[in-house]
């Protein structure tokens, strides 16, 4: 089996053997060393919570301004 990894330097995706997981490897394209981690790892998939909260607060503020201009609030 093999896993898909992404180079943090150039962003290219490549397949490496399972044995290479969590080991230092060199990118086939840019030749920079990095630690092989699966593209499906939890660190890659986490949500950026501060951006989500900022977006929600922005929308709430926008709704408040609209209601205030409409004379409802």
PDB file of N, CA and C in Angstrom:
ATOM      1  N   UNK A   1       0.838  -1.180   0.000  1.00  0.00           N
ATOM      2  CA  UNK A   1       0.000   0.000   0.000  1.00  0.00           C
ATOM      3  C   UNK A   1       0.885   1.246   0.000  1.00  0.00           C
ATOM      4  N   UNK A   2       0.259   2.364  -0.318  1.00  0.00           N
ATOM      5  CA  UNK A   2       0.974   3.636  -0.289  1.00  0.00           C
ATOM      6  C   UNK A   2       0.038   4.728   0.225  1.00  0.00           C
ATOM      7  N   UNK A   3       0.635   5.823   0.657  1.00  0.00           N
ATOM      8  CA  UNK A   3      -0.144   6.950   1.141  1.00  0.00           C
ATOM      9  C   UNK A   3       0.151   8.163   0.272  1.00  0.00           C
ATOM     10  N   UNK A   4      -0.777   9.081   0.259  1.00  0.00           N
ATOM     11  CA  UNK A   4      -0.614  10.314  -0.492  1.00  0.00           C
ATOM     12  C   UNK A   4      -0.097  11.386   0.458  1.00  0.00           C
ATOM     13  N   UNK A   5       0.996  12.052   0.090  1.00  0.00           N
ATOM     14  CA  UNK A   5       1.559  13.124   0.911  1.00  0.00           C
ATOM     15  C   UNK A   5       1.713  14.371   0.056  1.00  0.00           C
ATOM     16  N   UNK A   6       1.679  15.526   0.720  1.00  0.00           N
ATOM     17  CA  UNK A   6       1.828  16.808   0.022  1.00  0.00           C
ATOM     18  C   UNK A   6       3.076  17.503   0.547  1.00  0.00           C
ATOM     19  N   UNK A   7       3.900  17.973  -0.358  1.00  0.00           N
ATOM     20  CA  UNK A   7       5.116  18.693   0.008  1.00  0.00           C
ATOM     21  C   UNK A   7       4.740  20.085   0.520  1.00  0.00           C
ATOM     22  N   UNK A   8       5.204  20.467   1.715  1.00  0.00           N
ATOM     23  CA  UNK A   8       4.878  21.790   2.229  1.00  0.00           C
ATOM     24  C   UNK A   8       5.585  22.921   1.484  1.00  0.00           C
ATOM     25  N   UNK A   9       6.670  22.613   0.780  1.00  0.00           N
ATOM     26  CA  UNK A   9       7.415  23.646   0.054  1.00  0.00           C
ATOM     27  C   UNK A   9       6.782  23.997  -1.282  1.00  0.00           C
ATOM     28  N   UNK A  10       6.497  22.974  -2.103  1.00  0.00           N
ATOM     29  CA  UNK A  10       5.992  23.239  -3.452  1.00  0.00           C
ATOM     30  C   UNK A  10       4.512  22.899  -3.616  1.00  0.00           C
ATOM     31  N   UNK A  11       3.927  22.163  -2.648  1.00  0.00           N
ATOM     32  CA  UNK A  11       2.507  21.840  -2.710  1.00  0.00           C
ATOM     33  C   UNK A  11       2.159  20.651  -3.586  1.00  0.00           C
ATOM     34  N   UNK A  12       3.137  20.020  -4.203  1.00  0.00           N
ATOM     35  CA  UNK A  12       2.869  18.861  -5.059  1.00  0.00           C
ATOM     36  C   UNK A  12       2.483  17.663  -4.202  1.00  0.00           C
ATOM     37  N   UNK A  13       1.585  16.841  -4.726  1.00  0.00           N
ATOM     38  CA  UNK A  13       1.153  15.619  -4.053  1.00  0.00           C
ATOM     39  C   UNK A  13       1.837  14.429  -4.699  1.00  0.00           C
ATOM     40  N   UNK A  14       2.273  13.495  -3.869  1.00  0.00           N
ATOM     41  CA  UNK A  14       2.917  12.285  -4.380  1.00  0.00           C
ATOM     42  C   UNK A  14       2.548  11.097  -3.517  1.00  0.00           C
ATOM     43  N   UNK A  15       2.728   9.916  -4.059  1.00  0.00           N
ATOM     44  CA  UNK A  15       2.454   8.675  -3.334  1.00  0.00           C
ATOM     45  C   UNK A  15       3.781   8.117  -2.833  1.00  0.00           C
ATOM     46  N   UNK A  16       3.784   7.697  -1.567  1.00  0.00           N
ATOM     47  CA  UNK A  16       4.965   7.073  -0.975  1.00  0.00           C
ATOM     48  C   UNK A  16       4.530   5.798  -0.262  1.00  0.00           C
ATOM     49  N   UNK A  17       5.438   4.862  -0.037  1.00  0.00           N
ATOM     50  CA  UNK A  17       5.076   3.626   0.670  1.00  0.00           C
ATOM     51  C   UNK A  17       4.621   3.910   2.106  1.00  0.00           C
ATOM     52  N   UNK A  18       3.804   3.029   2.657  1.00  0.00           N
ATOM     53  CA  UNK A  18       3.326   3.173   4.032  1.00  0.00           C
ATOM     54  C   UNK A  18       4.486   3.298   5.024  1.00  0.00           C
ATOM     55  N   UNK A  19       5.579   2.639   4.744  1.00  0.00           N
ATOM     56  CA  UNK A  19       6.727   2.655   5.650  1.00  0.00           C
ATOM     57  C   UNK A  19       7.339   4.047   5.781  1.00  0.00           C
ATOM     58  N   UNK A  20       7.072   4.942   4.832  1.00  0.00           N
ATOM     59  CA  UNK A  20       7.642   6.288   4.858  1.00  0.00           C
ATOM     60  C   UNK A  20       6.868   7.239   5.755  1.00  0.00           C
ATOM     61  N   UNK A  21       5.703   6.817   6.236  1.00  0.00           N
ATOM     62  CA  UNK A  21       4.881   7.680   7.091  1.00  0.00           C
ATOM     63  C   UNK A  21       5.645   8.080   8.342  1.00  0.00           C
ATOM     64  N   UNK A  22       5.585   9.341   8.699  1.00  0.00           N
ATOM     65  CA  UNK A  22       6.245   9.922   9.870  1.00  0.00           C
ATOM     66  C   UNK A  22       7.762   9.889   9.778  1.00  0.00           C
ATOM     67  N   UNK A  23       8.293   9.713   8.592  1.00  0.00           N
ATOM     68  CA  UNK A  23       9.734   9.754   8.384  1.00  0.00           C
ATOM     69  C   UNK A  23      10.088  10.958   7.526  1.00  0.00           C
ATOM     70  N   UNK A  24      11.343  11.356   7.613  1.00  0.00           N
ATOM     71  CA  UNK A  24      11.808  12.464   6.788  1.00  0.00           C
ATOM     72  C   UNK A  24      12.094  11.939   5.377  1.00  0.00           C
ATOM     73  N   UNK A  25      11.471  12.571   4.381  1.00  0.00           N
ATOM     74  CA  UNK A  25      11.698  12.195   2.985  1.00  0.00           C
ATOM     75  C   UNK A  25      12.014  13.453   2.193  1.00  0.00           C
ATOM     76  N   UNK A  26      12.417  13.282   0.948  1.00  0.00           N
ATOM     77  CA  UNK A  26      12.722  14.392   0.070  1.00  0.00           C
ATOM     78  C   UNK A  26      11.685  14.448  -1.046  1.00  0.00           C
ATOM     79  N   UNK A  27      11.209  15.640  -1.346  1.00  0.00           N
ATOM     80  CA  UNK A  27      10.225  15.815  -2.409  1.00  0.00           C
ATOM     81  C   UNK A  27      10.842  15.438  -3.753  1.00  0.00           C
ATOM     82  N   UNK A  28      10.075  14.732  -4.572  1.00  0.00           N
ATOM     83  CA  UNK A  28      10.552  14.326  -5.899  1.00  0.00           C
ATOM     84  C   UNK A  28      10.649  15.507  -6.858  1.00  0.00           C
ATOM     85  N   UNK A  29       9.927  16.570  -6.564  1.00  0.00           N
ATOM     86  CA  UNK A  29       9.846  17.700  -7.491  1.00  0.00           C
ATOM     87  C   UNK A  29      10.806  18.836  -7.124  1.00  0.00           C
ATOM     88  N   UNK A  30      10.771  19.281  -5.854  1.00  0.00           N
ATOM     89  CA  UNK A  30      11.625  20.409  -5.460  1.00  0.00           C
ATOM     90  C   UNK A  30      12.830  19.972  -4.621  1.00  0.00           C
ATOM     91  N   UNK A  31      12.873  18.704  -4.246  1.00  0.00           N
ATOM     92  CA  UNK A  31      13.984  18.090  -3.517  1.00  0.00           C
ATOM     93  C   UNK A  31      14.181  18.629  -2.098  1.00  0.00           C
ATOM     94  N   UNK A  32      13.149  19.267  -1.538  1.00  0.00           N
ATOM     95  CA  UNK A  32      13.231  19.760  -0.164  1.00  0.00           C
ATOM     96  C   UNK A  32      12.822  18.644   0.804  1.00  0.00           C
ATOM     97  N   UNK A  33      13.548  18.493   1.931  1.00  0.00           N
ATOM     98  CA  UNK A  33      13.174  17.470   2.909  1.00  0.00           C
ATOM     99  C   UNK A  33      11.955  17.902   3.729  1.00  0.00           C
ATOM    100  N   UNK A  34      11.128  16.926   4.099  1.00  0.00           N
ATOM    101  CA  UNK A  34       9.983  17.156   4.968  1.00  0.00           C
ATOM    102  C   UNK A  34       9.555  15.848   5.587  1.00  0.00           C
ATOM    103  N   UNK A  35       8.736  15.917   6.636  1.00  0.00           N
ATOM    104  CA  UNK A  35       8.225  14.720   7.299  1.00  0.00           C
ATOM    105  C   UNK A  35       6.950  14.285   6.593  1.00  0.00           C
ATOM    106  N   UNK A  36       6.922  13.037   6.154  1.00  0.00           N
ATOM    107  CA  UNK A  36       5.780  12.509   5.407  1.00  0.00           C
ATOM    108  C   UNK A  36       4.597  12.316   6.341  1.00  0.00           C
ATOM    109  N   UNK A  37       3.503  13.007   6.037  1.00  0.00           N
ATOM    110  CA  UNK A  37       2.243  12.850   6.759  1.00  0.00           C
ATOM    111  C   UNK A  37       1.156  12.672   5.720  1.00  0.00           C
ATOM    112  N   UNK A  38       0.209  11.816   6.021  1.00  0.00           N
ATOM    113  CA  UNK A  38      -0.885  11.544   5.101  1.00  0.00           C
ATOM    114  C   UNK A  38      -1.708  12.803   4.869  1.00  0.00           C
ATOM    115  N   UNK A  39      -2.204  13.010   3.647  1.00  0.00           N
ATOM    116  CA  UNK A  39      -3.080  14.143   3.342  1.00  0.00           C
ATOM    117  C   UNK A  39      -4.361  14.090   4.143  1.00  0.00           C
ATOM    118  N   UNK A  40      -4.748  12.915   4.618  1.00  0.00           N
ATOM    119  CA  UNK A  40      -5.985  12.743   5.379  1.00  0.00           C
ATOM    120  C   UNK A  40      -5.783  12.949   6.873  1.00  0.00           C
ATOM    121  N   UNK A  41      -4.610  13.429   7.282  1.00  0.00           N
ATOM    122  CA  UNK A  41      -4.348  13.583   8.712  1.00  0.00           C
ATOM    123  C   UNK A  41      -5.247  14.657   9.313  1.00  0.00           C
ATOM    124  N   UNK A  42      -5.484  14.579  10.594  1.00  0.00           N
ATOM    125  CA  UNK A  42      -6.391  15.513  11.275  1.00  0.00           C
ATOM    126  C   UNK A  42      -5.876  16.940  11.217  1.00  0.00           C
ATOM    127  N   UNK A  43      -4.581  17.143  11.222  1.00  0.00           N
ATOM    128  CA  UNK A  43      -4.026  18.487  11.170  1.00  0.00           C
ATOM    129  C   UNK A  43      -4.368  19.207   9.885  1.00  0.00           C
ATOM    130  N   UNK A  44      -4.499  18.493   8.796  1.00  0.00           N
ATOM    131  CA  UNK A  44      -4.837  19.098   7.522  1.00  0.00           C
ATOM    132  C   UNK A  44      -6.317  19.443   7.423  1.00  0.00           C
ATOM    133  N   UNK A  45      -7.157  18.751   8.170  1.00  0.00           N
ATOM    134  CA  UNK A  45      -8.595  18.869   8.024  1.00  0.00           C
ATOM    135  C   UNK A  45      -9.265  19.755   9.071  1.00  0.00           C
ATOM    136  N   UNK A  46      -8.510  20.324  10.017  1.00  0.00           N
ATOM    137  CA  UNK A  46      -9.161  21.086  11.073  1.00  0.00           C
ATOM    138  C   UNK A  46      -9.693  22.413  10.546  1.00  0.00           C
ATOM    139  N   UNK A  47     -10.731  22.898  11.183  1.00  0.00           N
ATOM    140  CA  UNK A  47     -11.348  24.150  10.785  1.00  0.00           C
ATOM    141  C   UNK A  47     -10.609  25.313  11.421  1.00  0.00           C
ATOM    142  N   UNK A  48     -10.592  26.416  10.722  1.00  0.00           N
ATOM    143  CA  UNK A  48      -9.974  27.606  11.269  1.00  0.00           C
ATOM    144  C   UNK A  48     -11.040  28.375  12.037  1.00  0.00           C
ATOM    145  N   UNK A  49     -11.167  28.084  13.318  1.00  0.00           N
ATOM    146  CA  UNK A  49     -12.245  28.605  14.151  1.00  0.00           C
ATOM    147  C   UNK A  49     -12.282  30.126  14.242  1.00  0.00           C
ATOM    148  N   UNK A  50     -11.181  30.838  14.397  1.00  0.00           N
ATOM    149  CA  UNK A  50     -11.271  32.294  14.484  1.00  0.00           C
ATOM    150  C   UNK A  50     -11.885  32.934  13.237  1.00  0.00           C
ATOM    151  N   UNK A  51     -11.638  32.413  12.085  1.00  0.00           N
ATOM    152  CA  UNK A  51     -12.214  32.958  10.855  1.00  0.00           C
ATOM    153  C   UNK A  51     -13.719  32.708  10.823  1.00  0.00           C
ATOM    154  N   UNK A  52     -14.149  31.541  11.270  1.00  0.00           N
ATOM    155  CA  UNK A  52     -15.575  31.217  11.303  1.00  0.00           C
ATOM    156  C   UNK A  52     -16.298  32.136  12.288  1.00  0.00           C
ATOM    157  N   UNK A  53     -15.720  32.332  13.472  1.00  0.00           N
ATOM    158  CA  UNK A  53     -16.337  33.205  14.471  1.00  0.00           C
ATOM    159  C   UNK A  53     -16.400  34.641  13.954  1.00  0.00           C
ATOM    160  N   UNK A  54     -15.333  35.121  13.322  1.00  0.00           N
ATOM    161  CA  UNK A  54     -15.326  36.475  12.775  1.00  0.00           C
ATOM    162  C   UNK A  54     -16.409  36.634  11.710  1.00  0.00           C
ATOM    163  N   UNK A  55     -16.602  35.615  10.880  1.00  0.00           N
ATOM    164  CA  UNK A  55     -17.641  35.673   9.854  1.00  0.00           C
ATOM    165  C   UNK A  55     -19.037  35.743  10.449  1.00  0.00           C
ATOM    166  N   UNK A  56     -19.264  34.966  11.493  1.00  0.00           N
ATOM    167  CA  UNK A  56     -20.576  34.975  12.156  1.00  0.00           C
ATOM    168  C   UNK A  56     -20.835  36.332  12.802  1.00  0.00           C
ATOM    169  N   UNK A  57     -19.824  36.893  13.478  1.00  0.00           N
ATOM    170  CA  UNK A  57     -19.980  38.205  14.105  1.00  0.00           C
ATOM    171  C   UNK A  57     -20.226  39.290  13.060  1.00  0.00           C
ATOM    172  N   UNK A  58     -19.557  39.191  11.924  1.00  0.00           N
ATOM    173  CA  UNK A  58     -19.770  40.154  10.849  1.00  0.00           C
ATOM    174  C   UNK A  58     -21.218  40.089  10.353  1.00  0.00           C
ATOM    175  N   UNK A  59     -21.724  38.880  10.136  1.00  0.00           N
ATOM    176  CA  UNK A  59     -23.104  38.736   9.670  1.00  0.00           C
ATOM    177  C   UNK A  59     -24.112  39.261  10.686  1.00  0.00           C
ATOM    178  N   UNK A  60     -23.869  39.000  11.965  1.00  0.00           N
ATOM    179  CA  UNK A  60     -24.769  39.526  12.999  1.00  0.00           C
ATOM    180  C   UNK A  60     -24.753  41.056  13.018  1.00  0.00           C
ATOM    181  N   UNK A  61     -23.586  41.647  12.868  1.00  0.00           N
ATOM    182  CA  UNK A  61     -23.488  43.104  12.807  1.00  0.00           C
ATOM    183  C   UNK A  61     -24.191  43.668  11.591  1.00  0.00           C
ATOM    184  N   UNK A  62     -24.057  42.991  10.468  1.00  0.00           N
ATOM    185  CA  UNK A  62     -24.717  43.427   9.242  1.00  0.00           C
ATOM    186  C   UNK A  62     -26.240  43.368   9.389  1.00  0.00           C
ATOM    187  N   UNK A  63     -26.732  42.324  10.001  1.00  0.00           N
ATOM    188  CA  UNK A  63     -28.179  42.208  10.244  1.00  0.00           C
ATOM    189  C   UNK A  63     -28.652  43.327  11.169  1.00  0.00           C
ATOM    190  N   UNK A  64     -27.865  43.633  12.205  1.00  0.00           N
ATOM    191  CA  UNK A  64     -28.237  44.704  13.135  1.00  0.00           C
ATOM    192  C   UNK A  64     -28.300  46.042  12.416  1.00  0.00           C
ATOM    193  N   UNK A  65     -27.356  46.322  11.521  1.00  0.00           N
ATOM    194  CA  UNK A  65     -27.355  47.585  10.774  1.00  0.00           C
ATOM    195  C   UNK A  65     -28.586  47.654   9.853  1.00  0.00           C
ATOM    196  N   UNK A  66     -28.876  46.577   9.184  1.00  0.00           N
ATOM    197  CA  UNK A  66     -30.040  46.553   8.292  1.00  0.00           C
ATOM    198  C   UNK A  66     -31.335  46.786   9.084  1.00  0.00           C
ATOM    199  N   UNK A  67     -31.474  46.112  10.226  1.00  0.00           N
ATOM    200  CA  UNK A  67     -32.679  46.296  11.050  1.00  0.00           C
ATOM    201  C   UNK A  67     -32.763  47.722  11.585  1.00  0.00           C
ATOM    202  N   UNK A  68     -31.638  48.295  11.941  1.00  0.00           N
ATOM    203  CA  UNK A  68     -31.631  49.675  12.457  1.00  0.00           C
ATOM    204  C   UNK A  68     -32.032  50.662  11.371  1.00  0.00           C
ATOM    205  N   UNK A  69     -31.515  50.485  10.139  1.00  0.00           N
ATOM    206  CA  UNK A  69     -31.872  51.370   9.028  1.00  0.00           C
ATOM    207  C   UNK A  69     -33.331  51.206   8.612  1.00  0.00           C
ATOM    208  N   UNK A  70     -33.862  50.017   8.784  1.00  0.00           N
ATOM    209  CA  UNK A  70     -35.254  49.769   8.434  1.00  0.00           C
ATOM    210  C   UNK A  70     -36.211  50.289   9.510  1.00  0.00           C
ATOM    211  N   UNK A  71     -35.687  50.683  10.656  1.00  0.00           N
ATOM    212  CA  UNK A  71     -36.516  51.219  11.718  1.00  0.00           C
ATOM    213  C   UNK A  71     -37.182  50.158  12.569  1.00  0.00           C
ATOM    214  N   UNK A  72     -36.771  48.926  12.419  1.00  0.00           N
ATOM    215  CA  UNK A  72     -37.346  47.818  13.193  1.00  0.00           C
ATOM    216  C   UNK A  72     -36.736  47.767  14.584  1.00  0.00           C
ATOM    217  N   UNK A  73     -35.516  48.241  14.690  1.00  0.00           N
ATOM    218  CA  UNK A  73     -34.813  48.092  15.959  1.00  0.00           C
ATOM    219  C   UNK A  73     -34.371  49.411  16.469  1.00  0.00           C
TER     220      UNK A  73
END
